[in-house]
Amino acid sequence: MLKKSLVALAAMAAVVGTAGAAQADDVVRVVQGASVPIPVSSGGYPGTAAAVAGCADGETRVGGGAVVTAGNSHSDRYNLSSSVPISGERWWAFATNTDTANPGTLQAYAICAKVVKTSVLTTP
């Protein structure tokens, strides 16, 4: 699942540009949410974290994604459990960490598009 998410995010970045508030043009942009720490596993329960990224007023969410960064070389201990659109033109992600010593990070991304007015074409 993580591998597919990373591939989708990389493809998105290639189309739109670099992550962050990068703009491919004046219509579509990628909004990078805050990086959220995924705490270590404790008492037999995994550490959990949720992250969100949202579009500005006047924009519509047209996609999104998330990325989990492992705190060590055991990337199989860090899992992106969910990455879905939610209300309010936002994208939400949830991740877990079963590593008992190293926290990871979770970051959500929203692809936002401005609604633009176009002229109506009429035939003579």
PDB file of N, CA and C in Angstrom:
ATOM      1  N   MET A   1       0.827  -1.189   0.000  1.00  0.00           N
ATOM      2  CA  MET A   1       0.000   0.000   0.000  1.00  0.00           C
ATOM      3  C   MET A   1       0.873   1.255   0.000  1.00  0.00           C
ATOM      4  N   LEU A   2       1.915   1.263   0.840  1.00  0.00           N
ATOM      5  CA  LEU A   2       2.808   2.423   0.906  1.00  0.00           C
ATOM      6  C   LEU A   2       3.490   2.632  -0.435  1.00  0.00           C
ATOM      7  N   LYS A   3       3.936   1.539  -1.039  1.00  0.00           N
ATOM      8  CA  LYS A   3       4.626   1.647  -2.316  1.00  0.00           C
ATOM      9  C   LYS A   3       3.703   2.262  -3.365  1.00  0.00           C
ATOM     10  N   LYS A   4       2.426   1.824  -3.409  1.00  0.00           N
ATOM     11  CA  LYS A   4       1.471   2.376  -4.368  1.00  0.00           C
ATOM     12  C   LYS A   4       1.226   3.850  -4.088  1.00  0.00           C
ATOM     13  N   SER A   5       1.142   4.221  -2.817  1.00  0.00           N
ATOM     14  CA  SER A   5       0.914   5.618  -2.458  1.00  0.00           C
ATOM     15  C   SER A   5       2.086   6.487  -2.881  1.00  0.00           C
ATOM     16  N   LEU A   6       3.296   5.987  -2.672  1.00  0.00           N
ATOM     17  CA  LEU A   6       4.478   6.747  -3.057  1.00  0.00           C
ATOM     18  C   LEU A   6       4.563   6.891  -4.568  1.00  0.00           C
ATOM     19  N   VAL A   7       4.197   5.829  -5.309  1.00  0.00           N
ATOM     20  CA  VAL A   7       4.217   5.899  -6.760  1.00  0.00           C
ATOM     21  C   VAL A   7       3.187   6.905  -7.247  1.00  0.00           C
ATOM     22  N   ALA A   8       1.983   6.865  -6.661  1.00  0.00           N
ATOM     23  CA  ALA A   8       0.936   7.813  -7.051  1.00  0.00           C
ATOM     24  C   ALA A   8       1.359   9.239  -6.739  1.00  0.00           C
ATOM     25  N   LEU A   9       1.975   9.438  -5.583  1.00  0.00           N
ATOM     26  CA  LEU A   9       2.419  10.772  -5.208  1.00  0.00           C
ATOM     27  C   LEU A   9       3.529  11.260  -6.138  1.00  0.00           C
ATOM     28  N   ALA A  10       4.437  10.373  -6.505  1.00  0.00           N
ATOM     29  CA  ALA A  10       5.511  10.752  -7.415  1.00  0.00           C
ATOM     30  C   ALA A  10       4.952  11.112  -8.787  1.00  0.00           C
ATOM     31  N   ALA A  11       3.978  10.350  -9.253  1.00  0.00           N
ATOM     32  CA  ALA A  11       3.357  10.652 -10.543  1.00  0.00           C
ATOM     33  C   ALA A  11       2.643  11.993 -10.483  1.00  0.00           C
ATOM     34  N   MET A  12       1.964  12.246  -9.367  1.00  0.00           N
ATOM     35  CA  MET A  12       1.265  13.517  -9.190  1.00  0.00           C
ATOM     36  C   MET A  12       2.268  14.664  -9.213  1.00  0.00           C
ATOM     37  N   ALA A  13       3.380  14.504  -8.509  1.00  0.00           N
ATOM     38  CA  ALA A  13       4.385  15.563  -8.451  1.00  0.00           C
ATOM     39  C   ALA A  13       5.001  15.798  -9.826  1.00  0.00           C
ATOM     40  N   ALA A  14       5.168  14.747 -10.610  1.00  0.00           N
ATOM     41  CA  ALA A  14       5.742  14.897 -11.943  1.00  0.00           C
ATOM     42  C   ALA A  14       4.815  15.700 -12.855  1.00  0.00           C
ATOM     43  N   VAL A  15       3.524  15.509 -12.695  1.00  0.00           N
ATOM     44  CA  VAL A  15       2.566  16.229 -13.522  1.00  0.00           C
ATOM     45  C   VAL A  15       2.422  17.671 -13.066  1.00  0.00           C
ATOM     46  N   VAL A  16       2.332  17.881 -11.753  1.00  0.00           N
ATOM     47  CA  VAL A  16       2.033  19.201 -11.220  1.00  0.00           C
ATOM     48  C   VAL A  16       3.279  20.020 -10.941  1.00  0.00           C
ATOM     49  N   GLY A  17       4.360  19.390 -10.583  1.00  0.00           N
ATOM     50  CA  GLY A  17       5.577  20.118 -10.234  1.00  0.00           C
ATOM     51  C   GLY A  17       6.084  19.617  -8.899  1.00  0.00           C
ATOM     52  N   THR A  18       6.956  20.341  -8.274  1.00  0.00           N
ATOM     53  CA  THR A  18       7.478  19.915  -6.990  1.00  0.00           C
ATOM     54  C   THR A  18       6.421  20.065  -5.916  1.00  0.00           C
ATOM     55  N   ALA A  19       6.551  19.301  -4.833  1.00  0.00           N
ATOM     56  CA  ALA A  19       5.573  19.342  -3.747  1.00  0.00           C
ATOM     57  C   ALA A  19       5.631  20.685  -3.032  1.00  0.00           C
ATOM     58  N   GLY A  20       4.641  20.919  -2.228  1.00  0.00           N
ATOM     59  CA  GLY A  20       4.524  22.191  -1.526  1.00  0.00           C
ATOM     60  C   GLY A  20       3.460  23.012  -2.211  1.00  0.00           C
ATOM     61  N   ALA A  21       3.622  24.296  -2.235  1.00  0.00           N
ATOM     62  CA  ALA A  21       2.653  25.164  -2.889  1.00  0.00           C
ATOM     63  C   ALA A  21       3.055  25.383  -4.340  1.00  0.00           C
ATOM     64  N   ALA A  22       3.582  24.330  -4.955  1.00  0.00           N
ATOM     65  CA  ALA A  22       4.018  24.439  -6.341  1.00  0.00           C
ATOM     66  C   ALA A  22       2.824  24.610  -7.257  1.00  0.00           C
ATOM     67  N   GLN A  23       3.022  25.346  -8.314  1.00  0.00           N
ATOM     68  CA  GLN A  23       1.945  25.572  -9.247  1.00  0.00           C
ATOM     69  C   GLN A  23       2.379  25.184 -10.646  1.00  0.00           C
ATOM     70  N   ALA A  24       1.544  24.362 -11.290  1.00  0.00           N
ATOM     71  CA  ALA A  24       1.800  24.019 -12.677  1.00  0.00           C
ATOM     72  C   ALA A  24       1.361  25.178 -13.556  1.00  0.00           C
ATOM     73  N   ASP A  25       0.330  25.840 -13.145  1.00  0.00           N
ATOM     74  CA  ASP A  25      -0.167  27.034 -13.811  1.00  0.00           C
ATOM     75  C   ASP A  25      -1.064  27.750 -12.803  1.00  0.00           C
ATOM     76  N   ASP A  26      -1.905  28.641 -13.261  1.00  0.00           N
ATOM     77  CA  ASP A  26      -2.761  29.373 -12.335  1.00  0.00           C
ATOM     78  C   ASP A  26      -4.015  28.613 -11.950  1.00  0.00           C
ATOM     79  N   VAL A  27      -4.185  27.388 -12.435  1.00  0.00           N
ATOM     80  CA  VAL A  27      -5.428  26.663 -12.205  1.00  0.00           C
ATOM     81  C   VAL A  27      -5.266  25.511 -11.216  1.00  0.00           C
ATOM     82  N   VAL A  28      -4.177  24.766 -11.282  1.00  0.00           N
ATOM     83  CA  VAL A  28      -3.993  23.572 -10.448  1.00  0.00           C
ATOM     84  C   VAL A  28      -2.742  23.721  -9.596  1.00  0.00           C
ATOM     85  N   ARG A  29      -2.837  23.302  -8.319  1.00  0.00           N
ATOM     86  CA  ARG A  29      -1.664  23.322  -7.455  1.00  0.00           C
ATOM     87  C   ARG A  29      -1.750  22.190  -6.439  1.00  0.00           C
ATOM     88  N   VAL A  30      -0.614  21.842  -5.868  1.00  0.00           N
ATOM     89  CA  VAL A  30      -0.538  20.822  -4.830  1.00  0.00           C
ATOM     90  C   VAL A  30      -0.320  21.527  -3.502  1.00  0.00           C
ATOM     91  N   VAL A  31      -1.181  21.236  -2.535  1.00  0.00           N
ATOM     92  CA  VAL A  31      -1.052  21.807  -1.198  1.00  0.00           C
ATOM     93  C   VAL A  31      -0.490  20.732  -0.282  1.00  0.00           C
ATOM     94  N   GLN A  32       0.592  21.048   0.369  1.00  0.00           N
ATOM     95  CA  GLN A  32       1.270  20.129   1.274  1.00  0.00           C
ATOM     96  C   GLN A  32       0.827  20.434   2.698  1.00  0.00           C
ATOM     97  N   GLY A  33       0.256  19.439   3.389  1.00  0.00           N
ATOM     98  CA  GLY A  33      -0.127  19.618   4.781  1.00  0.00           C
ATOM     99  C   GLY A  33       1.088  19.552   5.691  1.00  0.00           C
ATOM    100  N   ALA A  34       0.868  19.833   6.947  1.00  0.00           N
ATOM    101  CA  ALA A  34       1.953  19.787   7.930  1.00  0.00           C
ATOM    102  C   ALA A  34       2.450  18.350   8.113  1.00  0.00           C
ATOM    103  N   SER A  35       3.740  18.207   8.343  1.00  0.00           N
ATOM    104  CA  SER A  35       4.330  16.909   8.646  1.00  0.00           C
ATOM    105  C   SER A  35       3.979  16.550  10.087  1.00  0.00           C
ATOM    106  N   VAL A  36       3.357  15.385  10.265  1.00  0.00           N
ATOM    107  CA  VAL A  36       2.869  14.960  11.578  1.00  0.00           C
ATOM    108  C   VAL A  36       3.699  13.766  12.056  1.00  0.00           C
ATOM    109  N   PRO A  37       4.220  13.806  13.288  1.00  0.00           N
ATOM    110  CA  PRO A  37       4.980  12.651  13.783  1.00  0.00           C
ATOM    111  C   PRO A  37       4.065  11.462  14.072  1.00  0.00           C
ATOM    112  N   ILE A  38       4.547  10.268  13.734  1.00  0.00           N
ATOM    113  CA  ILE A  38       3.851   9.033  14.093  1.00  0.00           C
ATOM    114  C   ILE A  38       4.613   8.452  15.288  1.00  0.00           C
ATOM    115  N   PRO A  39       4.014   8.478  16.481  1.00  0.00           N
ATOM    116  CA  PRO A  39       4.741   8.024  17.669  1.00  0.00           C
ATOM    117  C   PRO A  39       5.102   6.541  17.610  1.00  0.00           C
ATOM    118  N   VAL A  40       6.029   6.157  18.471  1.00  0.00           N
ATOM    119  CA  VAL A  40       6.458   4.760  18.554  1.00  0.00           C
ATOM    120  C   VAL A  40       5.352   3.896  19.152  1.00  0.00           C
ATOM    121  N   SER A  41       5.457   2.604  18.895  1.00  0.00           N
ATOM    122  CA  SER A  41       4.539   1.622  19.460  1.00  0.00           C
ATOM    123  C   SER A  41       4.783   1.520  20.964  1.00  0.00           C
ATOM    124  N   SER A  42       3.700   1.363  21.720  1.00  0.00           N
ATOM    125  CA  SER A  42       3.826   1.280  23.180  1.00  0.00           C
ATOM    126  C   SER A  42       2.762   0.338  23.730  1.00  0.00           C
ATOM    127  N   GLY A  43       3.157  -0.509  24.669  1.00  0.00           N
ATOM    128  CA  GLY A  43       2.214  -1.418  25.319  1.00  0.00           C
ATOM    129  C   GLY A  43       1.563  -2.398  24.368  1.00  0.00           C
ATOM    130  N   GLY A  44       2.220  -2.722  23.285  1.00  0.00           N
ATOM    131  CA  GLY A  44       1.673  -3.652  22.312  1.00  0.00           C
ATOM    132  C   GLY A  44       0.748  -3.011  21.291  1.00  0.00           C
ATOM    133  N   TYR A  45       0.551  -1.697  21.390  1.00  0.00           N
ATOM    134  CA  TYR A  45      -0.311  -0.987  20.446  1.00  0.00           C
ATOM    135  C   TYR A  45       0.544  -0.104  19.543  1.00  0.00           C
ATOM    136  N   PRO A  46       0.206  -0.046  18.257  1.00  0.00           N
ATOM    137  CA  PRO A  46       0.995   0.808  17.363  1.00  0.00           C
ATOM    138  C   PRO A  46       0.746   2.283  17.637  1.00  0.00           C
ATOM    139  N   GLY A  47       1.744   3.088  17.344  1.00  0.00           N
ATOM    140  CA  GLY A  47       1.554   4.532  17.384  1.00  0.00           C
ATOM    141  C   GLY A  47       0.703   4.930  16.185  1.00  0.00           C
ATOM    142  N   THR A  48      -0.142   5.937  16.341  1.00  0.00           N
ATOM    143  CA  THR A  48      -1.016   6.356  15.242  1.00  0.00           C
ATOM    144  C   THR A  48      -0.932   7.863  15.039  1.00  0.00           C
ATOM    145  N   ALA A  49      -1.226   8.287  13.818  1.00  0.00           N
ATOM    146  CA  ALA A  49      -1.236   9.711  13.503  1.00  0.00           C
ATOM    147  C   ALA A  49      -2.201   9.959  12.350  1.00  0.00           C
ATOM    148  N   ALA A  50      -2.767  11.157  12.344  1.00  0.00           N
ATOM    149  CA  ALA A  50      -3.625  11.595  11.242  1.00  0.00           C
ATOM    150  C   ALA A  50      -3.101  12.931  10.732  1.00  0.00           C
ATOM    151  N   ALA A  51      -3.217  13.137   9.430  1.00  0.00           N
ATOM    152  CA  ALA A  51      -2.756  14.386   8.813  1.00  0.00           C
ATOM    153  C   ALA A  51      -3.813  14.853   7.814  1.00  0.00           C
ATOM    154  N   VAL A  52      -3.829  16.151   7.565  1.00  0.00           N
ATOM    155  CA  VAL A  52      -4.808  16.716   6.634  1.00  0.00           C
ATOM    156  C   VAL A  52      -4.158  17.830   5.814  1.00  0.00           C
ATOM    157  N   ALA A  53      -4.620  17.965   4.592  1.00  0.00           N
ATOM    158  CA  ALA A  53      -4.226  19.073   3.721  1.00  0.00           C
ATOM    159  C   ALA A  53      -5.508  19.578   3.081  1.00  0.00           C
ATOM    160  N   GLY A  54      -5.607  20.885   2.891  1.00  0.00           N
ATOM    161  CA  GLY A  54      -6.843  21.428   2.345  1.00  0.00           C
ATOM    162  C   GLY A  54      -6.621  22.512   1.323  1.00  0.00           C
ATOM    163  N   CYS A  55      -7.650  22.734   0.547  1.00  0.00           N
ATOM    164  CA  CYS A  55      -7.630  23.753  -0.497  1.00  0.00           C
ATOM    165  C   CYS A  55      -8.121  25.083   0.053  1.00  0.00           C
ATOM    166  N   ALA A  56      -7.673  26.156  -0.552  1.00  0.00           N
ATOM    167  CA  ALA A  56      -8.081  27.506  -0.166  1.00  0.00           C
ATOM    168  C   ALA A  56      -9.497  27.786  -0.658  1.00  0.00           C
ATOM    169  N   ASP A  57     -10.104  28.815  -0.113  1.00  0.00           N
ATOM    170  CA  ASP A  57     -11.418  29.242  -0.578  1.00  0.00           C
ATOM    171  C   ASP A  57     -11.362  29.515  -2.073  1.00  0.00           C
ATOM    172  N   GLY A  58     -12.390  29.112  -2.774  1.00  0.00           N
ATOM    173  CA  GLY A  58     -12.440  29.319  -4.213  1.00  0.00           C
ATOM    174  C   GLY A  58     -11.790  28.210  -5.011  1.00  0.00           C
ATOM    175  N   GLU A  59     -11.245  27.196  -4.318  1.00  0.00           N
ATOM    176  CA  GLU A  59     -10.623  26.061  -4.997  1.00  0.00           C
ATOM    177  C   GLU A  59     -11.421  24.798  -4.701  1.00  0.00           C
ATOM    178  N   THR A  60     -11.300  23.830  -5.593  1.00  0.00           N
ATOM    179  CA  THR A  60     -11.956  22.540  -5.447  1.00  0.00           C
ATOM    180  C   THR A  60     -10.891  21.455  -5.359  1.00  0.00           C
ATOM    181  N   ARG A  61     -11.065  20.552  -4.417  1.00  0.00           N
ATOM    182  CA  ARG A  61     -10.138  19.420  -4.291  1.00  0.00           C
ATOM    183  C   ARG A  61     -10.428  18.450  -5.434  1.00  0.00           C
ATOM    184  N   VAL A  62      -9.413  18.125  -6.218  1.00  0.00           N
ATOM    185  CA  VAL A  62      -9.578  17.197  -7.333  1.00  0.00           C
ATOM    186  C   VAL A  62      -8.781  15.909  -7.128  1.00  0.00           C
ATOM    187  N   GLY A  63      -8.048  15.826  -6.049  1.00  0.00           N
ATOM    188  CA  GLY A  63      -7.268  14.627  -5.748  1.00  0.00           C
ATOM    189  C   GLY A  63      -6.410  14.862  -4.537  1.00  0.00           C
ATOM    190  N   GLY A  64      -5.604  13.875  -4.218  1.00  0.00           N
ATOM    191  CA  GLY A  64      -4.721  14.006  -3.075  1.00  0.00           C
ATOM    192  C   GLY A  64      -3.946  12.731  -2.839  1.00  0.00           C
ATOM    193  N   GLY A  65      -3.226  12.711  -1.764  1.00  0.00           N
ATOM    194  CA  GLY A  65      -2.427  11.545  -1.414  1.00  0.00           C
ATOM    195  C   GLY A  65      -1.709  11.789  -0.106  1.00  0.00           C
ATOM    196  N   ALA A  66      -0.843  10.865   0.247  1.00  0.00           N
ATOM    197  CA  ALA A  66      -0.098  10.981   1.493  1.00  0.00           C
ATOM    198  C   ALA A  66       1.200  10.197   1.369  1.00  0.00           C
ATOM    199  N   VAL A  67       2.139  10.534   2.232  1.00  0.00           N
ATOM    200  CA  VAL A  67       3.400   9.808   2.265  1.00  0.00           C
ATOM    201  C   VAL A  67       3.790   9.575   3.720  1.00  0.00           C
ATOM    202  N   VAL A  68       4.273   8.365   3.989  1.00  0.00           N
ATOM    203  CA  VAL A  68       4.794   7.999   5.307  1.00  0.00           C
ATOM    204  C   VAL A  68       6.305   7.869   5.166  1.00  0.00           C
ATOM    205  N   THR A  69       7.032   8.510   6.074  1.00  0.00           N
ATOM    206  CA  THR A  69       8.483   8.401   6.089  1.00  0.00           C
ATOM    207  C   THR A  69       8.889   7.597   7.310  1.00  0.00           C
ATOM    208  N   ALA A  70       9.617   6.519   7.077  1.00  0.00           N
ATOM    209  CA  ALA A  70      10.055   5.643   8.158  1.00  0.00           C
ATOM    210  C   ALA A  70      11.113   6.327   9.004  1.00  0.00           C
ATOM    211  N   GLY A  71      11.119   6.019  10.293  1.00  0.00           N
ATOM    212  CA  GLY A  71      12.110   6.581  11.193  1.00  0.00           C
ATOM    213  C   GLY A  71      13.407   5.800  11.200  1.00  0.00           C
ATOM    214  N   ASN A  72      13.428   4.647  10.527  1.00  0.00           N
ATOM    215  CA  ASN A  72      14.639   3.837  10.418  1.00  0.00           C
ATOM    216  C   ASN A  72      14.568   3.016   9.139  1.00  0.00           C
ATOM    217  N   SER A  73      15.427   2.033   9.007  1.00  0.00           N
ATOM    218  CA  SER A  73      15.477   1.237   7.783  1.00  0.00           C
ATOM    219  C   SER A  73      14.402   0.157   7.712  1.00  0.00           C
ATOM    220  N   HIS A  74      13.612  -0.024   8.752  1.00  0.00           N
ATOM    221  CA  HIS A  74      12.553  -1.036   8.769  1.00  0.00           C
ATOM    222  C   HIS A  74      11.243  -0.415   8.294  1.00  0.00           C
ATOM    223  N   SER A  75      11.159  -0.094   7.014  1.00  0.00           N
ATOM    224  CA  SER A  75       9.983   0.607   6.489  1.00  0.00           C
ATOM    225  C   SER A  75       8.709  -0.207   6.602  1.00  0.00           C
ATOM    226  N   ASP A  76       8.816  -1.536   6.751  1.00  0.00           N
ATOM    227  CA  ASP A  76       7.621  -2.361   6.886  1.00  0.00           C
ATOM    228  C   ASP A  76       6.891  -2.116   8.209  1.00  0.00           C
ATOM    229  N   ARG A  77       7.475  -1.399   9.137  1.00  0.00           N
ATOM    230  CA  ARG A  77       6.841  -1.101  10.421  1.00  0.00           C
ATOM    231  C   ARG A  77       5.979   0.163  10.380  1.00  0.00           C
ATOM    232  N   TYR A  78       6.035   0.886   9.281  1.00  0.00           N
ATOM    233  CA  TYR A  78       5.310   2.149   9.136  1.00  0.00           C
ATOM    234  C   TYR A  78       4.291   1.970   8.012  1.00  0.00           C
ATOM    235  N   ASN A  79       3.008   2.126   8.335  1.00  0.00           N
ATOM    236  CA  ASN A  79       1.968   1.822   7.361  1.00  0.00           C
ATOM    237  C   ASN A  79       1.016   2.988   7.135  1.00  0.00           C
ATOM    238  N   LEU A  80       0.766   3.283   5.880  1.00  0.00           N
ATOM    239  CA  LEU A  80      -0.275   4.232   5.508  1.00  0.00           C
ATOM    240  C   LEU A  80      -1.565   3.424   5.468  1.00  0.00           C
ATOM    241  N   SER A  81      -2.449   3.674   6.418  1.00  0.00           N
ATOM    242  CA  SER A  81      -3.667   2.887   6.544  1.00  0.00           C
ATOM    243  C   SER A  81      -4.820   3.441   5.726  1.00  0.00           C
ATOM    244  N   SER A  82      -4.866   4.759   5.565  1.00  0.00           N
ATOM    245  CA  SER A  82      -5.969   5.380   4.845  1.00  0.00           C
ATOM    246  C   SER A  82      -5.520   6.707   4.251  1.00  0.00           C
ATOM    247  N   SER A  83      -6.025   7.004   3.063  1.00  0.00           N
ATOM    248  CA  SER A  83      -5.752   8.270   2.387  1.00  0.00           C
ATOM    249  C   SER A  83      -6.989   8.563   1.549  1.00  0.00           C
ATOM    250  N   VAL A  84      -7.843   9.481   2.048  1.00  0.00           N
ATOM    251  CA  VAL A  84      -9.159   9.686   1.442  1.00  0.00           C
ATOM    252  C   VAL A  84      -9.564  11.161   1.423  1.00  0.00           C
ATOM    253  N   PRO A  85     -10.456  11.524   0.495  1.00  0.00           N
ATOM    254  CA  PRO A  85     -11.007  12.879   0.524  1.00  0.00           C
ATOM    255  C   PRO A  85     -12.017  12.998   1.666  1.00  0.00           C
ATOM    256  N   ILE A  86     -12.080  14.176   2.274  1.00  0.00           N
ATOM    257  CA  ILE A  86     -13.077  14.442   3.312  1.00  0.00           C
ATOM    258  C   ILE A  86     -13.752  15.773   3.009  1.00  0.00           C
ATOM    259  N   SER A  87     -14.742  16.103   3.790  1.00  0.00           N
ATOM    260  CA  SER A  87     -15.513  17.323   3.548  1.00  0.00           C
ATOM    261  C   SER A  87     -14.646  18.570   3.648  1.00  0.00           C
ATOM    262  N   GLY A  88     -15.162  19.649   3.089  1.00  0.00           N
ATOM    263  CA  GLY A  88     -14.448  20.920   3.177  1.00  0.00           C
ATOM    264  C   GLY A  88     -13.272  21.035   2.243  1.00  0.00           C
ATOM    265  N   GLU A  89     -13.290  20.304   1.129  1.00  0.00           N
ATOM    266  CA  GLU A  89     -12.205  20.369   0.140  1.00  0.00           C
ATOM    267  C   GLU A  89     -10.852  20.006   0.748  1.00  0.00           C
ATOM    268  N   ARG A  90     -10.854  18.965   1.600  1.00  0.00           N
ATOM    269  CA  ARG A  90      -9.627  18.531   2.277  1.00  0.00           C
ATOM    270  C   ARG A  90      -9.313  17.078   1.944  1.00  0.00           C
ATOM    271  N   TRP A  91      -8.052  16.705   2.199  1.00  0.00           N
ATOM    272  CA  TRP A  91      -7.600  15.323   2.041  1.00  0.00           C
ATOM    273  C   TRP A  91      -7.065  14.866   3.390  1.00  0.00           C
ATOM    274  N   TRP A  92      -7.454  13.658   3.823  1.00  0.00           N
ATOM    275  CA  TRP A  92      -7.117  13.141   5.148  1.00  0.00           C
ATOM    276  C   TRP A  92      -6.335  11.840   5.009  1.00  0.00           C
ATOM    277  N   ALA A  93      -5.361  11.641   5.886  1.00  0.00           N
ATOM    278  CA  ALA A  93      -4.564  10.415   5.874  1.00  0.00           C
ATOM    279  C   ALA A  93      -4.352   9.926   7.303  1.00  0.00           C
ATOM    280  N   PHE A  94      -4.217   8.600   7.445  1.00  0.00           N
ATOM    281  CA  PHE A  94      -4.011   7.966   8.751  1.00  0.00           C
ATOM    282  C   PHE A  94      -2.903   6.933   8.601  1.00  0.00           C
ATOM    283  N   ALA A  95      -1.983   6.886   9.579  1.00  0.00           N
ATOM    284  CA  ALA A  95      -0.857   5.952   9.508  1.00  0.00           C
ATOM    285  C   ALA A  95      -0.576   5.346  10.877  1.00  0.00           C
ATOM    286  N   THR A  96       0.090   4.180  10.858  1.00  0.00           N
ATOM    287  CA  THR A  96       0.482   3.509  12.095  1.00  0.00           C
ATOM    288  C   THR A  96       1.981   3.204  12.079  1.00  0.00           C
ATOM    289  N   ASN A  97       2.514   2.983  13.282  1.00  0.00           N
ATOM    290  CA  ASN A  97       3.930   2.682  13.465  1.00  0.00           C
ATOM    291  C   ASN A  97       4.052   1.570  14.506  1.00  0.00           C
ATOM    292  N   THR A  98       4.623   0.426  14.129  1.00  0.00           N
ATOM    293  CA  THR A  98       4.821  -0.661  15.082  1.00  0.00           C
ATOM    294  C   THR A  98       6.249  -0.714  15.615  1.00  0.00           C
ATOM    295  N   ASP A  99       7.091   0.209  15.199  1.00  0.00           N
ATOM    296  CA  ASP A  99       8.457   0.278  15.712  1.00  0.00           C
ATOM    297  C   ASP A  99       8.410   0.802  17.155  1.00  0.00           C
ATOM    298  N   THR A 100       9.152   0.165  18.053  1.00  0.00           N
ATOM    299  CA  THR A 100       9.135   0.569  19.465  1.00  0.00           C
ATOM    300  C   THR A 100      10.198   1.607  19.813  1.00  0.00           C
ATOM    301  N   ALA A 101      11.052   1.965  18.853  1.00  0.00           N
ATOM    302  CA  ALA A 101      12.139   2.891  19.167  1.00  0.00           C
ATOM    303  C   ALA A 101      12.179   4.151  18.301  1.00  0.00           C
ATOM    304  N   ASN A 102      11.624   4.102  17.109  1.00  0.00           N
ATOM    305  CA  ASN A 102      11.786   5.213  16.164  1.00  0.00           C
ATOM    306  C   ASN A 102      10.445   5.735  15.653  1.00  0.00           C
ATOM    307  N   PRO A 103      10.141   7.007  15.891  1.00  0.00           N
ATOM    308  CA  PRO A 103       8.925   7.576  15.318  1.00  0.00           C
ATOM    309  C   PRO A 103       9.104   7.797  13.813  1.00  0.00           C
ATOM    310  N   GLY A 104       7.998   7.876  13.102  1.00  0.00           N
ATOM    311  CA  GLY A 104       8.024   8.196  11.676  1.00  0.00           C
ATOM    312  C   GLY A 104       7.292   9.505  11.452  1.00  0.00           C
ATOM    313  N   THR A 105       7.012   9.831  10.201  1.00  0.00           N
ATOM    314  CA  THR A 105       6.235  11.031   9.891  1.00  0.00           C
ATOM    315  C   THR A 105       5.191  10.709   8.827  1.00  0.00           C
ATOM    316  N   LEU A 106       4.121  11.483   8.870  1.00  0.00           N
ATOM    317  CA  LEU A 106       3.019  11.367   7.918  1.00  0.00           C
ATOM    318  C   LEU A 106       2.740  12.747   7.345  1.00  0.00           C
ATOM    319  N   GLN A 107       2.516  12.816   6.045  1.00  0.00           N
ATOM    320  CA  GLN A 107       2.202  14.093   5.415  1.00  0.00           C
ATOM    321  C   GLN A 107       1.131  13.866   4.353  1.00  0.00           C
ATOM    322  N   ALA A 108       0.089  14.699   4.392  1.00  0.00           N
ATOM    323  CA  ALA A 108      -1.000  14.623   3.417  1.00  0.00           C
ATOM    324  C   ALA A 108      -0.826  15.716   2.370  1.00  0.00           C
ATOM    325  N   TYR A 109      -1.352  15.460   1.185  1.00  0.00           N
ATOM    326  CA  TYR A 109      -1.304  16.404   0.076  1.00  0.00           C
ATOM    327  C   TYR A 109      -2.693  16.509  -0.542  1.00  0.00           C
ATOM    328  N   ALA A 110      -3.083  17.693  -0.940  1.00  0.00           N
ATOM    329  CA  ALA A 110      -4.337  17.893  -1.665  1.00  0.00           C
ATOM    330  C   ALA A 110      -4.013  18.532  -3.013  1.00  0.00           C
ATOM    331  N   ILE A 111      -4.639  18.034  -4.056  1.00  0.00           N
ATOM    332  CA  ILE A 111      -4.517  18.651  -5.372  1.00  0.00           C
ATOM    333  C   ILE A 111      -5.733  19.557  -5.517  1.00  0.00           C
ATOM    334  N   CYS A 112      -5.478  20.829  -5.704  1.00  0.00           N
ATOM    335  CA  CYS A 112      -6.539  21.832  -5.719  1.00  0.00           C
ATOM    336  C   CYS A 112      -6.607  22.520  -7.073  1.00  0.00           C
ATOM    337  N   ALA A 113      -7.826  22.786  -7.523  1.00  0.00           N
ATOM    338  CA  ALA A 113      -8.034  23.476  -8.795  1.00  0.00           C
ATOM    339  C   ALA A 113      -8.933  24.676  -8.571  1.00  0.00           C
ATOM    340  N   LYS A 114      -8.585  25.774  -9.213  1.00  0.00           N
ATOM    341  CA  LYS A 114      -9.430  26.957  -9.167  1.00  0.00           C
ATOM    342  C   LYS A 114     -10.565  26.775 -10.166  1.00  0.00           C
ATOM    343  N   VAL A 115     -11.729  27.235  -9.780  1.00  0.00           N
ATOM    344  CA  VAL A 115     -12.849  27.225 -10.696  1.00  0.00           C
ATOM    345  C   VAL A 115     -12.711  28.474 -11.555  1.00  0.00           C
ATOM    346  N   VAL A 116     -12.616  28.264 -12.850  1.00  0.00           N
ATOM    347  CA  VAL A 116     -12.428  29.400 -13.751  1.00  0.00           C
ATOM    348  C   VAL A 116     -13.652  29.555 -14.644  1.00  0.00           C
ATOM    349  N   LYS A 117     -13.942  30.785 -14.977  1.00  0.00           N
ATOM    350  CA  LYS A 117     -15.055  31.064 -15.875  1.00  0.00           C
ATOM    351  C   LYS A 117     -14.532  31.003 -17.304  1.00  0.00           C
ATOM    352  N   THR A 118     -15.275  30.367 -18.163  1.00  0.00           N
ATOM    353  CA  THR A 118     -14.912  30.305 -19.570  1.00  0.00           C
ATOM    354  C   THR A 118     -16.021  30.934 -20.401  1.00  0.00           C
ATOM    355  N   SER A 119     -15.625  31.463 -21.495  1.00  0.00           N
ATOM    356  CA  SER A 119     -16.614  32.058 -22.405  1.00  0.00           C
ATOM    357  C   SER A 119     -17.450  30.967 -23.034  1.00  0.00           C
ATOM    358  N   VAL A 120     -18.702  31.259 -23.260  1.00  0.00           N
ATOM    359  CA  VAL A 120     -19.572  30.310 -23.942  1.00  0.00           C
ATOM    360  C   VAL A 120     -19.389  30.526 -25.436  1.00  0.00           C
ATOM    361  N   LEU A 121     -19.107  29.440 -26.100  1.00  0.00           N
ATOM    362  CA  LEU A 121     -18.932  29.520 -27.551  1.00  0.00           C
ATOM    363  C   LEU A 121     -20.285  29.392 -28.225  1.00  0.00           C
ATOM    364  N   THR A 122     -20.524  30.250 -29.161  1.00  0.00           N
ATOM    365  CA  THR A 122     -21.765  30.179 -29.941  1.00  0.00           C
ATOM    366  C   THR A 122     -21.415  30.133 -31.409  1.00  0.00           C
ATOM    367  N   THR A 123     -22.242  29.500 -32.166  1.00  0.00           N
ATOM    368  CA  THR A 123     -22.005  29.446 -33.610  1.00  0.00           C
ATOM    369  C   THR A 123     -22.743  30.594 -34.277  1.00  0.00           C
ATOM    370  N   PRO A 124     -22.184  31.149 -35.334  1.00  0.00           N
ATOM    371  CA  PRO A 124     -22.824  32.281 -36.012  1.00  0.00           C
ATOM    372  C   PRO A 124     -24.099  31.886 -36.717  1.00  0.00           C
TER     373      PRO A 124
END
